[in-house]
């Protein structure tokens, strides 16, 4: 598997179950100072949500660029959009199945399993966001 080195430290903390989670820690989530395994889980979920939001924003911006590129040709616009939507659907299937594969060695239902999937989704979504931002860029 190809992971960034810090992921293994996070997973180790998860598997060891370091510390307890308090409501004060939940209220002041600081992902730069991880001290308990639940914080790793929450930070991974938060990062995934941010990556998903950025991906959606880039996709919407690309749809707008497509619309602006073909102002006088609805047929070309629709053809491009159809290909784009098919590619995006296929990419989502790729991302999701790849992330399940990367988390295979951790039992489903365990917090570490969800965290590994969230870390993978974040990484691949950030890569896809960058790719979409480059398409039809002016």
C-alpha atoms as a PDB file:
ATOM      1  CA  UNK A   1       0.000   0.000   0.000  1.00  0.00           C
ATOM      2  CA  UNK A   2       1.088   3.569  -0.620  1.00  0.00           C
ATOM      3  CA  UNK A   3       0.341   5.701   2.420  1.00  0.00           C
ATOM      4  CA  UNK A   4       1.943   8.792   3.743  1.00  0.00           C
ATOM      5  CA  UNK A   5       4.119   7.972   6.801  1.00  0.00           C
ATOM      6  CA  UNK A   6       1.992   9.934   9.272  1.00  0.00           C
ATOM      7  CA  UNK A   7      -1.006   7.703   8.514  1.00  0.00           C
ATOM      8  CA  UNK A   8       0.690   4.747  10.197  1.00  0.00           C
ATOM      9  CA  UNK A   9       1.209   6.792  13.349  1.00  0.00           C
ATOM     10  CA  UNK A  10      -2.443   7.719  13.366  1.00  0.00           C
ATOM     11  CA  UNK A  11      -3.542   4.141  12.822  1.00  0.00           C
ATOM     12  CA  UNK A  12      -1.208   2.964  15.582  1.00  0.00           C
ATOM     13  CA  UNK A  13      -2.790   5.469  17.948  1.00  0.00           C
ATOM     14  CA  UNK A  14      -6.208   4.214  16.889  1.00  0.00           C
ATOM     15  CA  UNK A  15      -5.325   0.590  17.428  1.00  0.00           C
ATOM     16  CA  UNK A  16      -3.793   1.293  20.829  1.00  0.00           C
ATOM     17  CA  UNK A  17      -6.884   3.244  21.885  1.00  0.00           C
ATOM     18  CA  UNK A  18      -4.919   5.992  23.577  1.00  0.00           C
ATOM     19  CA  UNK A  19      -6.792   8.078  26.117  1.00  0.00           C
ATOM     20  CA  UNK A  20     -10.427   9.032  26.535  1.00  0.00           C
ATOM     21  CA  UNK A  21     -12.579  11.591  24.802  1.00  0.00           C
ATOM     22  CA  UNK A  22     -14.176  14.423  26.741  1.00  0.00           C
ATOM     23  CA  UNK A  23     -16.829  16.866  25.645  1.00  0.00           C
ATOM     24  CA  UNK A  24     -14.299  19.700  26.042  1.00  0.00           C
ATOM     25  CA  UNK A  25     -11.967  17.973  23.589  1.00  0.00           C
ATOM     26  CA  UNK A  26     -14.856  17.445  21.174  1.00  0.00           C
ATOM     27  CA  UNK A  27     -15.773  21.131  21.337  1.00  0.00           C
ATOM     28  CA  UNK A  28     -12.215  22.294  20.633  1.00  0.00           C
ATOM     29  CA  UNK A  29     -11.087  19.893  17.934  1.00  0.00           C
ATOM     30  CA  UNK A  30      -7.488  20.728  17.053  1.00  0.00           C
ATOM     31  CA  UNK A  31      -6.203  18.345  14.428  1.00  0.00           C
ATOM     32  CA  UNK A  32      -2.660  19.678  14.734  1.00  0.00           C
ATOM     33  CA  UNK A  33      -2.398  18.376  18.316  1.00  0.00           C
ATOM     34  CA  UNK A  34      -3.780  14.838  18.248  1.00  0.00           C
ATOM     35  CA  UNK A  35      -3.705  13.163  21.645  1.00  0.00           C
ATOM     36  CA  UNK A  36      -6.508  10.574  21.648  1.00  0.00           C
ATOM     37  CA  UNK A  37      -7.685   8.017  19.104  1.00  0.00           C
ATOM     38  CA  UNK A  38     -11.170   9.465  18.891  1.00  0.00           C
ATOM     39  CA  UNK A  39      -9.607  12.728  17.792  1.00  0.00           C
ATOM     40  CA  UNK A  40      -7.877  10.892  14.942  1.00  0.00           C
ATOM     41  CA  UNK A  41     -11.262   9.533  13.857  1.00  0.00           C
ATOM     42  CA  UNK A  42     -12.947  12.921  14.051  1.00  0.00           C
ATOM     43  CA  UNK A  43     -10.115  14.723  12.264  1.00  0.00           C
ATOM     44  CA  UNK A  44     -10.127  12.154   9.455  1.00  0.00           C
ATOM     45  CA  UNK A  45     -13.898  12.579   9.102  1.00  0.00           C
ATOM     46  CA  UNK A  46     -13.550  16.371   9.131  1.00  0.00           C
ATOM     47  CA  UNK A  47     -10.798  16.262   6.492  1.00  0.00           C
ATOM     48  CA  UNK A  48     -12.916  13.961   4.303  1.00  0.00           C
ATOM     49  CA  UNK A  49     -15.875  16.356   4.545  1.00  0.00           C
ATOM     50  CA  UNK A  50     -13.656  19.286   3.557  1.00  0.00           C
ATOM     51  CA  UNK A  51     -12.176  17.339   0.635  1.00  0.00           C
ATOM     52  CA  UNK A  52     -15.673  16.355  -0.525  1.00  0.00           C
ATOM     53  CA  UNK A  53     -16.805  19.970  -0.358  1.00  0.00           C
ATOM     54  CA  UNK A  54     -13.758  21.145  -2.328  1.00  0.00           C
ATOM     55  CA  UNK A  55     -14.320  18.408  -4.921  1.00  0.00           C
ATOM     56  CA  UNK A  56     -17.955  19.419  -5.340  1.00  0.00           C
ATOM     57  CA  UNK A  57     -16.964  23.067  -5.660  1.00  0.00           C
ATOM     58  CA  UNK A  58     -14.374  22.236  -8.345  1.00  0.00           C
ATOM     59  CA  UNK A  59     -16.883  20.089 -10.214  1.00  0.00           C
ATOM     60  CA  UNK A  60     -19.455  22.896 -10.176  1.00  0.00           C
ATOM     61  CA  UNK A  61     -16.834  25.386 -11.368  1.00  0.00           C
ATOM     62  CA  UNK A  62     -15.941  23.015 -14.214  1.00  0.00           C
ATOM     63  CA  UNK A  63     -19.617  22.774 -15.215  1.00  0.00           C
ATOM     64  CA  UNK A  64     -19.672  26.571 -15.416  1.00  0.00           C
ATOM     65  CA  UNK A  65     -16.482  26.609 -17.529  1.00  0.00           C
ATOM     66  CA  UNK A  66     -18.045  24.073 -19.904  1.00  0.00           C
ATOM     67  CA  UNK A  67     -21.154  26.224 -20.214  1.00  0.00           C
ATOM     68  CA  UNK A  68     -19.033  29.305 -20.954  1.00  0.00           C
ATOM     69  CA  UNK A  69     -16.827  27.474 -23.460  1.00  0.00           C
ATOM     70  CA  UNK A  70     -19.738  26.458 -25.706  1.00  0.00           C
ATOM     71  CA  UNK A  71     -22.083  29.462 -25.654  1.00  0.00           C
ATOM     72  CA  UNK A  72     -23.306  28.882 -29.200  1.00  0.00           C
ATOM     73  CA  UNK A  73     -23.245  25.096 -29.333  1.00  0.00           C
ATOM     74  CA  UNK A  74     -25.635  23.357 -26.973  1.00  0.00           C
ATOM     75  CA  UNK A  75     -24.867  20.032 -28.673  1.00  0.00           C
ATOM     76  CA  UNK A  76     -21.123  20.248 -27.939  1.00  0.00           C
ATOM     77  CA  UNK A  77     -21.815  21.400 -24.394  1.00  0.00           C
ATOM     78  CA  UNK A  78     -24.169  18.473 -23.765  1.00  0.00           C
ATOM     79  CA  UNK A  79     -21.720  16.007 -25.315  1.00  0.00           C
ATOM     80  CA  UNK A  80     -18.871  17.244 -23.094  1.00  0.00           C
ATOM     81  CA  UNK A  81     -21.094  17.225 -20.014  1.00  0.00           C
ATOM     82  CA  UNK A  82     -22.189  13.655 -20.732  1.00  0.00           C
ATOM     83  CA  UNK A  83     -18.587  12.500 -20.972  1.00  0.00           C
ATOM     84  CA  UNK A  84     -17.660  14.448 -17.852  1.00  0.00           C
ATOM     85  CA  UNK A  85     -20.519  12.968 -15.823  1.00  0.00           C
ATOM     86  CA  UNK A  86     -19.642   9.434 -16.948  1.00  0.00           C
ATOM     87  CA  UNK A  87     -15.994   9.996 -16.048  1.00  0.00           C
ATOM     88  CA  UNK A  88     -16.907  11.406 -12.641  1.00  0.00           C
ATOM     89  CA  UNK A  89     -19.228   8.481 -11.846  1.00  0.00           C
ATOM     90  CA  UNK A  90     -16.502   6.011 -12.855  1.00  0.00           C
ATOM     91  CA  UNK A  91     -13.929   7.902 -10.784  1.00  0.00           C
ATOM     92  CA  UNK A  92     -16.177   7.803  -7.685  1.00  0.00           C
ATOM     93  CA  UNK A  93     -16.495   4.014  -8.073  1.00  0.00           C
ATOM     94  CA  UNK A  94     -12.707   3.788  -8.440  1.00  0.00           C
ATOM     95  CA  UNK A  95     -12.119   5.970  -5.374  1.00  0.00           C
ATOM     96  CA  UNK A  96     -14.564   4.103  -3.185  1.00  0.00           C
ATOM     97  CA  UNK A  97     -13.351   0.627  -4.158  1.00  0.00           C
ATOM     98  CA  UNK A  98      -9.703   1.677  -3.820  1.00  0.00           C
ATOM     99  CA  UNK A  99     -10.317   3.024  -0.334  1.00  0.00           C
ATOM    100  CA  UNK A 100     -12.084  -0.159   0.773  1.00  0.00           C
ATOM    101  CA  UNK A 101      -9.074  -2.089  -0.517  1.00  0.00           C
ATOM    102  CA  UNK A 102      -6.655   0.142   1.404  1.00  0.00           C
ATOM    103  CA  UNK A 103      -8.607  -0.475   4.622  1.00  0.00           C
ATOM    104  CA  UNK A 104      -8.917  -4.233   4.046  1.00  0.00           C
ATOM    105  CA  UNK A 105      -6.594  -5.316   6.868  1.00  0.00           C
ATOM    106  CA  UNK A 106      -8.686  -3.572   9.529  1.00  0.00           C
ATOM    107  CA  UNK A 107     -11.988  -5.152  10.509  1.00  0.00           C
ATOM    108  CA  UNK A 108     -15.030  -3.316   9.093  1.00  0.00           C
ATOM    109  CA  UNK A 109     -16.995  -1.599  11.817  1.00  0.00           C
ATOM    110  CA  UNK A 110     -13.883  -0.665  13.784  1.00  0.00           C
ATOM    111  CA  UNK A 111     -13.057   3.037  14.076  1.00  0.00           C
ATOM    112  CA  UNK A 112      -9.670   2.454  12.430  1.00  0.00           C
ATOM    113  CA  UNK A 113     -11.396   0.989   9.350  1.00  0.00           C
ATOM    114  CA  UNK A 114     -13.544   4.084   8.867  1.00  0.00           C
ATOM    115  CA  UNK A 115     -10.556   6.325   9.544  1.00  0.00           C
ATOM    116  CA  UNK A 116      -8.424   4.582   6.906  1.00  0.00           C
ATOM    117  CA  UNK A 117     -11.240   4.938   4.393  1.00  0.00           C
ATOM    118  CA  UNK A 118     -11.678   8.612   5.278  1.00  0.00           C
ATOM    119  CA  UNK A 119      -7.937   9.264   4.899  1.00  0.00           C
ATOM    120  CA  UNK A 120      -7.940   7.548   1.508  1.00  0.00           C
ATOM    121  CA  UNK A 121     -11.065   9.396   0.311  1.00  0.00           C
ATOM    122  CA  UNK A 122      -9.484  12.669   1.396  1.00  0.00           C
ATOM    123  CA  UNK A 123      -6.249  11.964  -0.473  1.00  0.00           C
ATOM    124  CA  UNK A 124      -7.924  10.813  -3.696  1.00  0.00           C
ATOM    125  CA  UNK A 125     -10.564  13.561  -3.602  1.00  0.00           C
ATOM    126  CA  UNK A 126      -7.853  16.201  -3.215  1.00  0.00           C
ATOM    127  CA  UNK A 127      -6.044  14.730  -6.220  1.00  0.00           C
ATOM    128  CA  UNK A 128      -9.278  14.732  -8.243  1.00  0.00           C
ATOM    129  CA  UNK A 129     -10.032  18.314  -7.213  1.00  0.00           C
ATOM    130  CA  UNK A 130      -6.655  19.376  -8.571  1.00  0.00           C
ATOM    131  CA  UNK A 131      -7.341  17.484 -11.804  1.00  0.00           C
ATOM    132  CA  UNK A 132     -10.794  19.046 -12.278  1.00  0.00           C
ATOM    133  CA  UNK A 133      -9.362  22.495 -11.607  1.00  0.00           C
ATOM    134  CA  UNK A 134      -6.962  21.976 -14.534  1.00  0.00           C
ATOM    135  CA  UNK A 135      -9.641  20.929 -17.046  1.00  0.00           C
ATOM    136  CA  UNK A 136     -10.581  23.744 -19.420  1.00  0.00           C
ATOM    137  CA  UNK A 137      -8.597  26.163 -17.248  1.00  0.00           C
ATOM    138  CA  UNK A 138      -8.152  29.571 -18.832  1.00  0.00           C
END
